[in-house]
Amino acid sequence: MALRLCLVTPFAWSQPHDVNEHVEGVAKELRTLGHSVTILASSNRARDIAAGRRALLDGLEAEVVALGPAMPISRRSRIGVPVGARANLSLALSLGRFDVVHGFEPGLPSLSYLALRDAQGLAVATFMSPERLSYPPGRAQRDRLLGRLDALVATSDETAEAAALRFPGHYEVISEGVDPQLFRSGRKRNLIVVEWRPTERALVRGVLRELAELPEWELLLLRTKPLTGRPTIPRVLRERVHVRTARDGPARAPLLAEASIFVPAVDGLGRVRLEAAASGCAIASPPGAREQPELYGAEAARLAENADYGRRKAERARSEVEGQTFAAVAHELDELYRSLAKRRHRTPDQTDPLRGRPWILADLHMHTSWSHDCAVDPADLIMYAEANGLGAIAVTDHNTFGGALETVELARDHELVVIPGEEIKTDGQGEVIGLFLQEEIPRGLSSPTRSKRSRNRGRSCTSPTPSTASTRSRSRRPCSSTWRTSTSSRSTTPGSCSRRTTRRRCASRGSTT
């Protein structure tokens, strides 16, 4: 039984990250098992965002879909996901009709959290680090997310224990996975690789102290994160100590292939330790080293001086990692997905009556020269909208209906759909937009009265900005939304364009109104 799977990562796809490596490796192996897998992520590469827009318009036929620009996130971050990315996420979840939505590190304010919260299919959450569990801060929000989850996964017992404090439940412990084709043992030499963290100076000092007694050995300090500085190296050891930055697997593979000993950081990446074991390195990780980091140096010296001991440690580490390949992880997830799929029946297709209709780009908040704050002629507005690929626009001038009527008349010979509307100033309750209007609505009415008048005439209304008494200081950027519409009609009646205002999705620049 092939499933439609959606894997959502919180980190920018354009930057190396251990979570992205896990997602990419697992997705590749799940595809070999016959599943359809789509990765949703953010990105800072313009070509990724452009390809993501095309994928949303083409029905999500892509392996990786960038939903918008990446925002900096951390365990202390409170920055929200951009409105456009939220809208594109909702559109992607709707188009994909996924059987399982699998979010990684949802304990951060990110796309993963939103995808799991809003998923219509089965929801699976994976926690990979005890340091990424700070969001959401409120217990009610955590309970809401937990209520949507069908399965909880952690990549280690330590992470599962920490996650259970904020998200109680039963956790499946599944390895991070490693690519055995990329990480394999090469021709070994007297090289010690230390995963370096600037906060773990005691560990590095201990290894450097022992290196001074090993004249035939070299030391490589491996940085796996950016902007981590450079360690202090004694003058007498500078010829034998090197510093390298390798943030992704392909960059680390040749370094680990020739290393004989690997010293993991106290709070290092579990993925790097797996990669070192798969590359045939002896892992220097003695008991009690977390409390006394100097023991790492002593263990590395013992491995260097006793070749038989080092060989046994390397063989043991390699045997342990054999069952932790990406293929093995994919089989475990496959079993989990299938067990969950048996619990829930698929939603019938007829629940979405507009599923077969194509999507168009629609800007639902535009002004003409009839408004006091705009100098664009209606004819120029039509030309600009068509040149930018819009299929429909809503003309909503301030407290006047003449601009909308003029634009409707000028657009009768064009393919562009023009929705007549008006942005009405209410009596001390902000501004409200009315769409599909047939006559002007006077300004100064209360918001409930104005909305009731519009609904009584079979029209729709929305708010151009958050409802406040004063909205003049807020920016009002045009909205480029995606609508489903009928291709057989191009009139401006309410029936010609799908009036599903709750299904508007940003597929290009701008924000939803």
Protein backbone atom coordinates (compact mmCIF):
# COMPACT_ATOMS: atom_id res chain seq x y z
CA MET A 1 0.00 0.00 0.00
CA ALA A 2 1.66 3.19 -1.21
CA LEU A 3 1.06 6.27 0.94
CA ARG A 4 1.26 9.97 0.22
CA LEU A 5 3.74 11.29 2.78
CA CYS A 6 4.63 14.87 3.69
CA LEU A 7 7.87 15.54 5.60
CA VAL A 8 8.17 19.06 7.04
CA THR A 9 11.46 20.49 8.27
CA PRO A 10 11.73 23.71 10.29
CA PHE A 11 15.14 24.68 8.91
CA ALA A 12 16.04 26.37 5.63
CA TRP A 13 16.62 23.82 2.88
CA SER A 14 19.24 26.12 1.36
CA GLN A 15 21.53 25.72 4.40
CA PRO A 16 23.24 22.55 5.70
CA HIS A 17 21.60 21.17 8.84
CA ASP A 18 21.55 17.80 10.55
CA VAL A 19 17.72 17.73 10.56
CA ASN A 20 17.63 18.36 6.81
CA GLU A 21 20.16 15.56 6.25
CA HIS A 22 17.91 13.19 8.20
CA VAL A 23 14.80 14.26 6.28
CA GLU A 24 16.51 13.96 2.90
CA GLY A 25 17.99 10.53 3.64
CA VAL A 26 14.73 9.12 5.00
CA ALA A 27 12.69 10.57 2.10
CA LYS A 28 14.97 8.91 -0.46
CA GLU A 29 14.59 5.48 1.14
CA LEU A 30 10.82 5.86 1.61
CA ARG A 31 10.51 6.54 -2.12
CA THR A 32 12.34 3.29 -2.84
CA LEU A 33 9.63 1.53 -0.77
CA GLY A 34 7.01 2.85 -3.19
CA HIS A 35 5.68 5.83 -1.23
CA SER A 36 5.09 9.29 -2.67
CA VAL A 37 7.11 11.69 -0.51
CA THR A 38 6.99 15.50 -0.59
CA ILE A 39 9.32 17.62 1.53
CA LEU A 40 8.03 21.03 2.65
CA ALA A 41 10.58 23.56 3.83
CA SER A 42 11.66 27.18 3.68
CA SER A 43 14.62 28.43 1.66
CA ASN A 44 16.71 31.53 1.12
CA ARG A 45 17.54 30.65 -2.50
CA ALA A 46 15.48 32.57 -5.03
CA ARG A 47 15.38 29.66 -7.45
CA ASP A 48 14.02 27.35 -4.72
CA ILE A 49 11.20 29.78 -3.92
CA ALA A 50 10.38 30.22 -7.62
CA ALA A 51 10.31 26.44 -8.09
CA GLY A 52 8.08 26.16 -5.02
CA ARG A 53 5.57 28.58 -6.52
CA ARG A 54 5.50 26.59 -9.74
CA ALA A 55 4.98 23.37 -7.79
CA LEU A 56 2.00 24.88 -5.96
CA LEU A 57 0.46 25.95 -9.26
CA ASP A 58 1.19 22.58 -10.94
CA GLY A 59 -0.40 20.45 -8.24
CA LEU A 60 2.60 19.82 -5.97
CA GLU A 61 4.46 17.59 -8.43
CA ALA A 62 7.89 18.07 -6.86
CA GLU A 63 10.05 16.25 -4.33
CA VAL A 64 10.97 19.42 -2.39
CA VAL A 65 8.68 22.47 -2.22
CA ALA A 66 10.03 25.74 -0.77
CA LEU A 67 7.08 27.58 0.76
CA GLY A 68 8.79 30.91 1.35
CA PRO A 69 11.90 32.63 2.69
CA ALA A 70 13.48 31.25 5.83
CA MET A 71 13.21 33.08 9.15
CA PRO A 72 15.86 32.72 11.88
CA ILE A 73 14.59 30.37 14.58
CA SER A 74 16.06 29.04 17.79
CA ARG A 75 14.91 27.63 21.10
CA ARG A 76 14.47 31.23 22.35
CA SER A 77 12.83 32.53 19.18
CA ARG A 78 9.37 34.05 19.19
CA ILE A 79 9.39 35.16 15.53
CA GLY A 80 6.26 34.02 13.73
CA VAL A 81 6.14 32.32 10.34
CA PRO A 82 5.47 34.88 7.54
CA VAL A 83 1.85 35.12 6.39
CA GLY A 84 2.76 34.13 2.84
CA ALA A 85 4.55 30.98 4.01
CA ARG A 86 1.59 30.07 6.25
CA ALA A 87 -0.80 30.46 3.32
CA ASN A 88 1.41 28.40 1.02
CA LEU A 89 1.67 25.70 3.69
CA SER A 90 -2.11 25.47 3.95
CA LEU A 91 -2.36 25.34 0.16
CA ALA A 92 0.26 22.58 -0.03
CA LEU A 93 -1.50 20.48 2.63
CA SER A 94 -4.77 20.92 0.75
CA LEU A 95 -3.33 20.06 -2.66
CA GLY A 96 -1.29 17.11 -1.41
CA ARG A 97 -4.12 15.33 0.39
CA PHE A 98 -1.43 13.50 2.35
CA ASP A 99 -2.07 10.31 4.25
CA VAL A 100 0.63 11.21 6.79
CA VAL A 101 2.13 14.58 7.71
CA HIS A 102 5.44 14.10 9.53
CA GLY A 103 6.84 17.19 11.22
CA PHE A 104 10.39 17.35 12.57
CA GLU A 105 11.31 19.41 15.63
CA PRO A 106 7.80 20.88 16.18
CA GLY A 107 9.04 22.29 19.48
CA LEU A 108 10.22 25.35 17.53
CA PRO A 109 8.06 28.18 16.10
CA SER A 110 8.20 26.91 12.53
CA LEU A 111 6.46 25.29 9.58
CA SER A 112 6.64 21.91 11.34
CA TYR A 113 4.52 23.09 14.24
CA LEU A 114 1.93 24.68 11.93
CA ALA A 115 1.80 21.67 9.61
CA LEU A 116 1.10 19.26 12.46
CA ARG A 117 -1.44 21.59 14.02
CA ASP A 118 -3.39 22.05 10.77
CA ALA A 119 -2.89 18.64 9.13
CA GLN A 120 -6.03 16.87 7.94
CA GLY A 121 -4.35 13.45 7.72
CA LEU A 122 -2.39 11.45 10.24
CA ALA A 123 0.21 13.48 12.14
CA VAL A 124 3.60 12.23 13.35
CA ALA A 125 6.13 14.34 15.29
CA THR A 126 9.85 13.63 15.57
CA PHE A 127 12.02 15.27 18.25
CA MET A 128 15.77 15.16 17.62
CA SER A 129 17.32 17.39 20.30
CA PRO A 130 16.46 18.14 23.96
CA GLU A 131 17.38 21.78 23.25
CA ARG A 132 14.54 22.31 20.74
CA LEU A 133 11.51 21.92 22.96
CA SER A 134 10.68 25.48 24.00
CA TYR A 135 7.65 26.06 21.74
CA PRO A 136 4.78 26.56 22.19
CA PRO A 137 5.26 28.25 25.56
CA GLY A 138 1.65 27.95 26.69
CA ARG A 139 0.31 24.66 28.01
CA ALA A 140 -2.98 25.11 26.16
CA GLN A 141 -1.12 25.39 22.85
CA ARG A 142 0.95 22.31 23.64
CA ASP A 143 -2.17 20.36 24.52
CA ARG A 144 -3.76 21.45 21.25
CA LEU A 145 -0.76 20.20 19.29
CA LEU A 146 -0.55 16.99 21.31
CA GLY A 147 -4.21 16.31 20.62
CA ARG A 148 -3.51 16.40 16.88
CA LEU A 149 -0.60 13.94 17.01
CA ASP A 150 -1.09 10.26 16.22
CA ALA A 151 2.49 9.18 17.00
CA LEU A 152 5.54 10.52 18.81
CA VAL A 153 9.10 9.71 17.70
CA ALA A 154 12.48 10.56 19.25
CA THR A 155 15.98 9.84 17.96
CA SER A 156 17.42 8.97 21.36
CA ASP A 157 16.32 7.94 24.85
CA GLU A 158 17.61 11.23 26.22
CA THR A 159 15.52 13.25 23.76
CA ALA A 160 12.45 11.11 24.42
CA GLU A 161 12.76 11.68 28.18
CA ALA A 162 13.09 15.46 27.76
CA ALA A 163 10.25 15.69 25.22
CA ALA A 164 7.90 13.68 27.42
CA LEU A 165 8.04 16.42 30.05
CA ARG A 166 6.37 18.88 27.65
CA PHE A 167 4.57 16.49 25.32
CA PRO A 168 3.59 13.43 27.41
CA GLY A 169 3.01 10.17 25.58
CA HIS A 170 4.61 6.99 24.30
CA TYR A 171 7.69 7.60 22.17
CA GLU A 172 9.12 5.36 19.47
CA VAL A 173 12.93 5.68 19.53
CA ILE A 174 14.25 5.59 15.96
CA SER A 175 17.84 6.34 14.97
CA GLU A 176 18.85 9.46 13.02
CA GLY A 177 20.20 7.22 10.27
CA VAL A 178 23.38 7.27 8.21
CA ASP A 179 24.25 6.69 4.55
CA PRO A 180 26.58 3.62 4.37
CA GLN A 181 27.45 4.35 0.75
CA LEU A 182 28.79 7.79 1.65
CA PHE A 183 30.46 6.90 4.95
CA ARG A 184 32.77 3.94 4.58
CA SER A 185 36.19 3.06 5.91
CA GLY A 186 39.13 4.27 3.84
CA ARG A 187 42.88 4.01 4.19
CA LYS A 188 43.47 4.84 7.84
CA ARG A 189 46.34 6.92 9.17
CA ASN A 190 47.38 8.28 12.56
CA LEU A 191 44.68 10.94 12.73
CA ILE A 192 42.42 11.89 15.64
CA VAL A 193 39.27 13.86 14.80
CA VAL A 194 37.68 15.88 17.59
CA GLU A 195 34.19 17.36 17.21
CA TRP A 196 34.91 20.84 18.51
CA ARG A 197 32.58 23.10 20.47
CA PRO A 198 33.85 26.49 21.72
CA THR A 199 32.19 25.90 25.11
CA GLU A 200 34.00 22.57 25.69
CA ARG A 201 37.53 23.81 26.21
CA ALA A 202 38.37 21.24 28.87
CA LEU A 203 37.83 18.43 26.36
CA VAL A 204 40.15 20.02 23.76
CA ARG A 205 42.81 20.81 26.37
CA GLY A 206 42.82 17.18 27.49
CA VAL A 207 43.27 15.88 23.95
CA LEU A 208 46.01 18.44 23.17
CA ARG A 209 47.86 17.45 26.35
CA GLU A 210 47.86 13.81 25.30
CA LEU A 211 48.80 14.68 21.71
CA ALA A 212 52.06 16.15 22.95
CA GLU A 213 52.99 12.61 24.06
CA LEU A 214 52.08 11.10 20.67
CA PRO A 215 54.62 12.53 18.21
CA GLU A 216 53.46 10.37 15.27
CA TRP A 217 49.81 11.43 15.47
CA GLU A 218 47.90 14.41 14.05
CA LEU A 219 44.79 16.11 15.36
CA LEU A 220 41.88 17.52 13.35
CA LEU A 221 39.44 19.86 15.14
CA LEU A 222 36.14 19.48 13.27
CA ARG A 223 33.63 22.34 13.32
CA THR A 224 30.08 21.31 12.40
CA LYS A 225 28.44 24.68 13.00
CA PRO A 226 29.18 28.13 11.52
CA LEU A 227 30.71 31.07 13.39
CA THR A 228 32.21 28.97 16.17
CA GLY A 229 35.57 30.75 16.30
CA ARG A 230 39.00 29.14 16.33
CA PRO A 231 40.60 27.28 19.25
CA THR A 232 43.89 28.21 20.89
CA ILE A 233 46.61 25.80 19.77
CA PRO A 234 50.03 25.54 21.55
CA ARG A 235 52.92 26.67 19.38
CA VAL A 236 54.72 23.32 19.59
CA LEU A 237 51.67 21.48 18.19
CA ARG A 238 50.63 23.85 15.39
CA GLU A 239 52.28 21.69 12.71
CA ARG A 240 50.21 18.68 13.79
CA VAL A 241 46.87 20.31 14.61
CA HIS A 242 44.43 21.40 11.89
CA VAL A 243 40.99 23.01 11.96
CA ARG A 244 38.30 22.19 9.38
CA THR A 245 34.68 23.24 8.95
CA ALA A 246 32.37 20.54 7.54
CA ARG A 247 28.69 21.26 8.01
CA ASP A 248 27.23 18.48 5.86
CA GLY A 249 27.80 14.80 5.25
CA PRO A 250 29.63 15.00 1.90
CA ALA A 251 32.17 17.39 3.45
CA ARG A 252 32.75 15.18 6.52
CA ALA A 253 32.95 11.84 4.71
CA PRO A 254 36.56 12.10 3.36
CA LEU A 255 37.84 13.41 6.71
CA LEU A 256 36.30 10.57 8.71
CA ALA A 257 37.30 7.92 6.14
CA GLU A 258 41.00 8.40 6.92
CA ALA A 259 40.66 9.04 10.66
CA SER A 260 41.50 6.26 13.12
CA ILE A 261 39.98 7.82 16.26
CA PHE A 262 36.94 10.05 16.72
CA VAL A 263 36.30 12.08 19.87
CA PRO A 264 32.66 13.31 20.03
CA ALA A 265 31.74 16.56 21.73
CA VAL A 266 29.95 16.31 25.05
CA ASP A 267 26.86 17.95 23.52
CA GLY A 268 27.71 17.20 19.91
CA LEU A 269 25.60 16.01 17.01
CA GLY A 270 24.52 12.39 17.26
CA ARG A 271 24.64 12.22 13.47
CA VAL A 272 28.39 12.94 13.37
CA ARG A 273 29.06 10.11 15.83
CA LEU A 274 27.08 7.71 13.63
CA GLU A 275 29.03 8.86 10.58
CA ALA A 276 32.35 8.27 12.37
CA ALA A 277 31.30 4.77 13.42
CA ALA A 278 30.19 3.93 9.87
CA SER A 279 33.58 5.19 8.62
CA GLY A 280 35.44 2.69 10.81
CA CYS A 281 36.65 5.10 13.50
CA ALA A 282 37.25 3.98 17.08
CA ILE A 283 34.96 6.13 19.24
CA ALA A 284 36.64 7.65 22.31
CA SER A 285 33.73 8.02 24.71
CA PRO A 286 34.63 6.64 28.16
CA PRO A 287 32.14 6.43 31.06
CA GLY A 288 31.96 9.53 33.23
CA ALA A 289 33.41 11.79 30.54
CA ARG A 290 30.47 14.18 30.70
CA GLU A 291 31.32 15.03 34.30
CA GLN A 292 35.11 14.92 33.67
CA PRO A 293 35.84 15.90 30.02
CA GLU A 294 39.58 15.31 30.46
CA LEU A 295 38.85 11.58 30.25
CA TYR A 296 38.26 11.99 26.52
CA GLY A 297 41.96 12.78 26.05
CA ALA A 298 43.04 9.80 28.13
CA GLU A 299 40.81 7.44 26.15
CA ALA A 300 42.07 8.84 22.82
CA ALA A 301 45.69 8.27 23.98
CA ARG A 302 44.91 4.67 24.98
CA LEU A 303 43.34 3.99 21.56
CA ALA A 304 46.37 5.50 19.82
CA GLU A 305 48.91 3.50 21.84
CA ASN A 306 47.08 0.16 21.79
CA ALA A 307 46.31 -0.75 18.17
CA ASP A 308 44.41 -3.97 19.07
CA TYR A 309 42.17 -2.10 21.50
CA GLY A 310 41.47 0.55 18.88
CA ARG A 311 40.66 -2.11 16.26
CA ARG A 312 38.16 -3.82 18.59
CA LYS A 313 36.48 -0.51 19.40
CA ALA A 314 36.21 0.36 15.70
CA GLU A 315 34.66 -3.04 14.82
CA ARG A 316 32.19 -2.75 17.69
CA ALA A 317 31.13 0.74 16.61
CA ARG A 318 30.69 -0.39 13.01
CA SER A 319 28.54 -3.37 14.02
CA GLU A 320 26.29 -1.12 16.11
CA VAL A 321 25.66 1.24 13.22
CA GLU A 322 24.70 -1.50 10.74
CA GLY A 323 21.08 -1.41 11.87
CA GLN A 324 20.95 2.40 11.86
CA THR A 325 21.17 3.12 8.14
CA PHE A 326 18.63 5.34 6.38
CA ALA A 327 17.16 2.20 4.83
CA ALA A 328 16.59 0.66 8.27
CA VAL A 329 15.07 3.91 9.58
CA ALA A 330 12.75 4.07 6.54
CA HIS A 331 11.52 0.52 7.19
CA GLU A 332 10.75 1.39 10.82
CA LEU A 333 8.85 4.50 9.75
CA ASP A 334 7.05 2.50 7.06
CA GLU A 335 5.76 0.09 9.70
CA LEU A 336 4.70 3.01 11.87
CA TYR A 337 2.86 4.76 9.02
CA ARG A 338 1.05 1.58 7.96
CA SER A 339 -0.06 0.83 11.51
CA LEU A 340 -1.48 4.34 11.80
CA ALA A 341 -3.16 4.20 8.39
CA LYS A 342 -5.22 1.21 9.51
CA ARG A 343 -6.86 3.39 12.19
CA ARG A 344 -8.27 6.05 9.90
CA HIS A 345 -10.35 5.90 6.75
CA ARG A 346 -9.51 8.16 3.85
CA THR A 347 -11.72 11.25 3.46
CA PRO A 348 -13.92 10.88 0.34
CA ASP A 349 -12.89 13.04 -2.58
CA GLN A 350 -16.36 14.54 -2.94
CA THR A 351 -15.83 16.62 0.22
CA ASP A 352 -14.09 19.19 -2.01
CA PRO A 353 -16.54 20.16 -4.80
CA LEU A 354 -13.95 22.44 -6.46
CA ARG A 355 -11.09 19.92 -6.49
CA GLY A 356 -11.14 19.54 -10.26
CA ARG A 357 -10.99 23.24 -11.05
CA PRO A 358 -7.72 24.98 -11.96
CA TRP A 359 -6.07 27.60 -9.75
CA ILE A 360 -5.54 31.24 -10.67
CA LEU A 361 -3.69 34.11 -9.02
CA ALA A 362 -6.00 36.75 -7.59
CA ASP A 363 -5.20 40.10 -5.95
CA LEU A 364 -8.18 41.00 -3.77
CA HIS A 365 -7.17 44.47 -2.62
CA MET A 366 -6.31 46.99 -5.34
CA HIS A 367 -6.96 50.72 -5.78
CA THR A 368 -7.29 53.03 -8.77
CA SER A 369 -7.06 56.78 -9.25
CA TRP A 370 -10.58 57.02 -7.81
CA SER A 371 -8.96 56.58 -4.38
CA HIS A 372 -7.25 59.52 -2.67
CA ASP A 373 -4.07 57.52 -2.10
CA CYS A 374 -3.58 56.06 -5.59
CA ALA A 375 -2.70 57.51 -9.00
CA VAL A 376 -3.08 54.38 -11.17
CA ASP A 377 -5.60 54.69 -13.98
CA PRO A 378 -8.07 51.75 -14.30
CA ALA A 379 -6.82 50.94 -17.81
CA ASP A 380 -3.22 50.87 -16.58
CA LEU A 381 -4.25 48.64 -13.67
CA ILE A 382 -5.69 46.06 -16.08
CA MET A 383 -2.55 46.06 -18.20
CA TYR A 384 -0.33 45.72 -15.11
CA ALA A 385 -2.41 42.84 -13.68
CA GLU A 386 -2.32 40.87 -16.93
CA ALA A 387 1.40 41.51 -17.41
CA ASN A 388 2.08 40.03 -13.96
CA GLY A 389 0.04 36.89 -14.58
CA LEU A 390 -2.99 37.69 -12.43
CA GLY A 391 -6.21 35.94 -13.37
CA ALA A 392 -8.51 38.06 -11.21
CA ILE A 393 -8.39 41.33 -9.28
CA ALA A 394 -10.74 43.05 -6.87
CA VAL A 395 -10.96 46.84 -7.21
CA THR A 396 -11.66 48.21 -3.73
CA ASP A 397 -11.31 51.99 -3.77
CA HIS A 398 -11.78 53.98 -0.59
CA ASN A 399 -15.45 54.83 -0.02
CA THR A 400 -16.29 54.97 -3.72
CA PHE A 401 -17.63 52.48 -6.23
CA GLY A 402 -16.95 54.36 -9.44
CA GLY A 403 -13.44 53.01 -9.95
CA ALA A 404 -14.66 49.43 -9.71
CA LEU A 405 -17.43 50.01 -12.25
CA GLU A 406 -15.04 51.71 -14.68
CA THR A 407 -12.53 48.87 -14.40
CA VAL A 408 -15.26 46.27 -14.94
CA GLU A 409 -16.31 47.98 -18.17
CA LEU A 410 -12.74 48.30 -19.46
CA ALA A 411 -12.02 44.64 -18.72
CA ARG A 412 -14.95 43.16 -20.66
CA ASP A 413 -12.71 42.50 -23.68
CA HIS A 414 -9.93 40.97 -21.55
CA GLU A 415 -9.42 37.56 -19.95
CA LEU A 416 -8.90 39.25 -16.58
CA VAL A 417 -11.74 38.78 -14.06
CA VAL A 418 -12.56 42.03 -12.24
CA ILE A 419 -14.46 41.76 -8.96
CA PRO A 420 -16.22 45.03 -8.05
CA GLY A 421 -15.71 46.03 -4.47
CA GLU A 422 -15.23 48.90 -2.05
CA GLU A 423 -13.12 49.64 1.03
CA ILE A 424 -15.55 51.31 3.42
CA LYS A 425 -14.64 53.43 6.42
CA THR A 426 -16.85 52.41 9.34
CA ASP A 427 -17.97 54.45 12.30
CA GLY A 428 -14.89 54.17 14.51
CA GLN A 429 -14.36 50.46 13.84
CA GLY A 430 -11.67 50.53 11.15
CA GLU A 431 -12.20 49.66 7.50
CA VAL A 432 -13.98 46.76 5.83
CA ILE A 433 -13.76 45.47 2.25
CA GLY A 434 -16.90 44.42 0.39
CA LEU A 435 -16.61 42.19 -2.68
CA PHE A 436 -19.02 41.37 -5.52
CA LEU A 437 -20.95 44.58 -4.89
CA GLN A 438 -23.54 46.06 -7.27
CA GLU A 439 -23.84 49.50 -5.72
CA GLU A 440 -21.90 51.83 -3.48
CA ILE A 441 -22.18 51.41 0.29
CA PRO A 442 -22.03 54.71 2.19
CA ARG A 443 -19.25 55.33 4.68
CA GLY A 444 -19.83 55.89 8.38
CA LEU A 445 -21.93 52.79 9.10
CA SER A 446 -21.04 50.48 11.97
CA SER A 447 -19.18 47.34 10.96
CA PRO A 448 -22.03 44.91 11.83
CA THR A 449 -24.55 47.05 9.92
CA ARG A 450 -22.29 47.27 6.86
CA SER A 451 -21.58 43.54 6.89
CA LYS A 452 -25.27 42.74 7.21
CA ARG A 453 -26.09 44.96 4.21
CA SER A 454 -23.49 43.15 2.11
CA ARG A 455 -24.64 39.68 3.12
CA ASN A 456 -28.27 40.54 2.51
CA ARG A 457 -27.30 41.37 -1.08
CA GLY A 458 -25.50 38.05 -1.50
CA ARG A 459 -22.04 39.57 -1.36
CA SER A 460 -18.95 38.87 0.77
CA CYS A 461 -16.93 41.09 3.04
CA THR A 462 -13.50 40.95 4.63
CA SER A 463 -11.10 43.12 6.62
CA PRO A 464 -8.20 44.81 4.79
CA THR A 465 -6.11 44.97 7.99
CA PRO A 466 -6.50 43.69 11.56
CA SER A 467 -9.67 45.22 12.99
CA THR A 468 -8.68 48.28 14.99
CA ALA A 469 -10.03 51.75 15.44
CA SER A 470 -7.01 53.24 13.72
CA THR A 471 -5.48 51.45 10.73
CA ARG A 472 -3.87 54.35 8.91
CA SER A 473 -0.39 53.51 10.18
CA ARG A 474 -0.51 49.90 8.99
CA SER A 475 0.89 49.03 5.58
CA ARG A 476 -1.54 47.59 3.03
CA ARG A 477 0.39 45.55 0.56
CA PRO A 478 -1.42 44.01 -2.40
CA CYS A 479 -2.37 40.39 -2.07
CA SER A 480 -1.47 37.83 -4.69
CA SER A 481 -3.69 34.90 -3.78
CA THR A 482 -4.51 31.69 -5.55
CA TRP A 483 -8.14 30.89 -6.29
CA ARG A 484 -9.88 28.06 -7.96
CA THR A 485 -12.16 29.30 -10.67
CA SER A 486 -14.20 28.00 -13.56
CA THR A 487 -12.51 28.32 -16.97
CA SER A 488 -15.84 28.53 -18.78
CA SER A 489 -16.90 31.92 -17.42
CA ARG A 490 -15.13 35.27 -17.19
CA SER A 491 -17.93 37.57 -16.10
CA THR A 492 -17.85 39.54 -12.88
CA THR A 493 -20.89 37.92 -11.31
CA PRO A 494 -20.35 36.15 -8.01
CA GLY A 495 -20.70 32.75 -9.65
CA SER A 496 -17.86 33.24 -12.10
CA CYS A 497 -15.07 33.16 -9.53
CA SER A 498 -14.95 30.72 -6.67
CA ARG A 499 -16.09 32.71 -3.61
CA ARG A 500 -14.10 30.55 -1.23
CA THR A 501 -12.37 33.39 0.55
CA THR A 502 -11.18 31.04 3.27
CA ARG A 503 -9.23 29.06 0.65
CA ARG A 504 -7.14 31.99 -0.62
CA ARG A 505 -3.50 31.07 -0.60
CA CYS A 506 -0.46 33.21 -1.27
CA ALA A 507 1.53 31.62 -4.08
CA SER A 508 3.72 34.66 -4.77
CA ARG A 509 4.71 37.93 -3.21
CA GLY A 510 2.45 39.82 -0.82
CA SER A 511 0.33 38.80 2.12
CA THR A 512 -3.26 37.71 2.56
CA THR A 513 -5.85 40.30 3.39
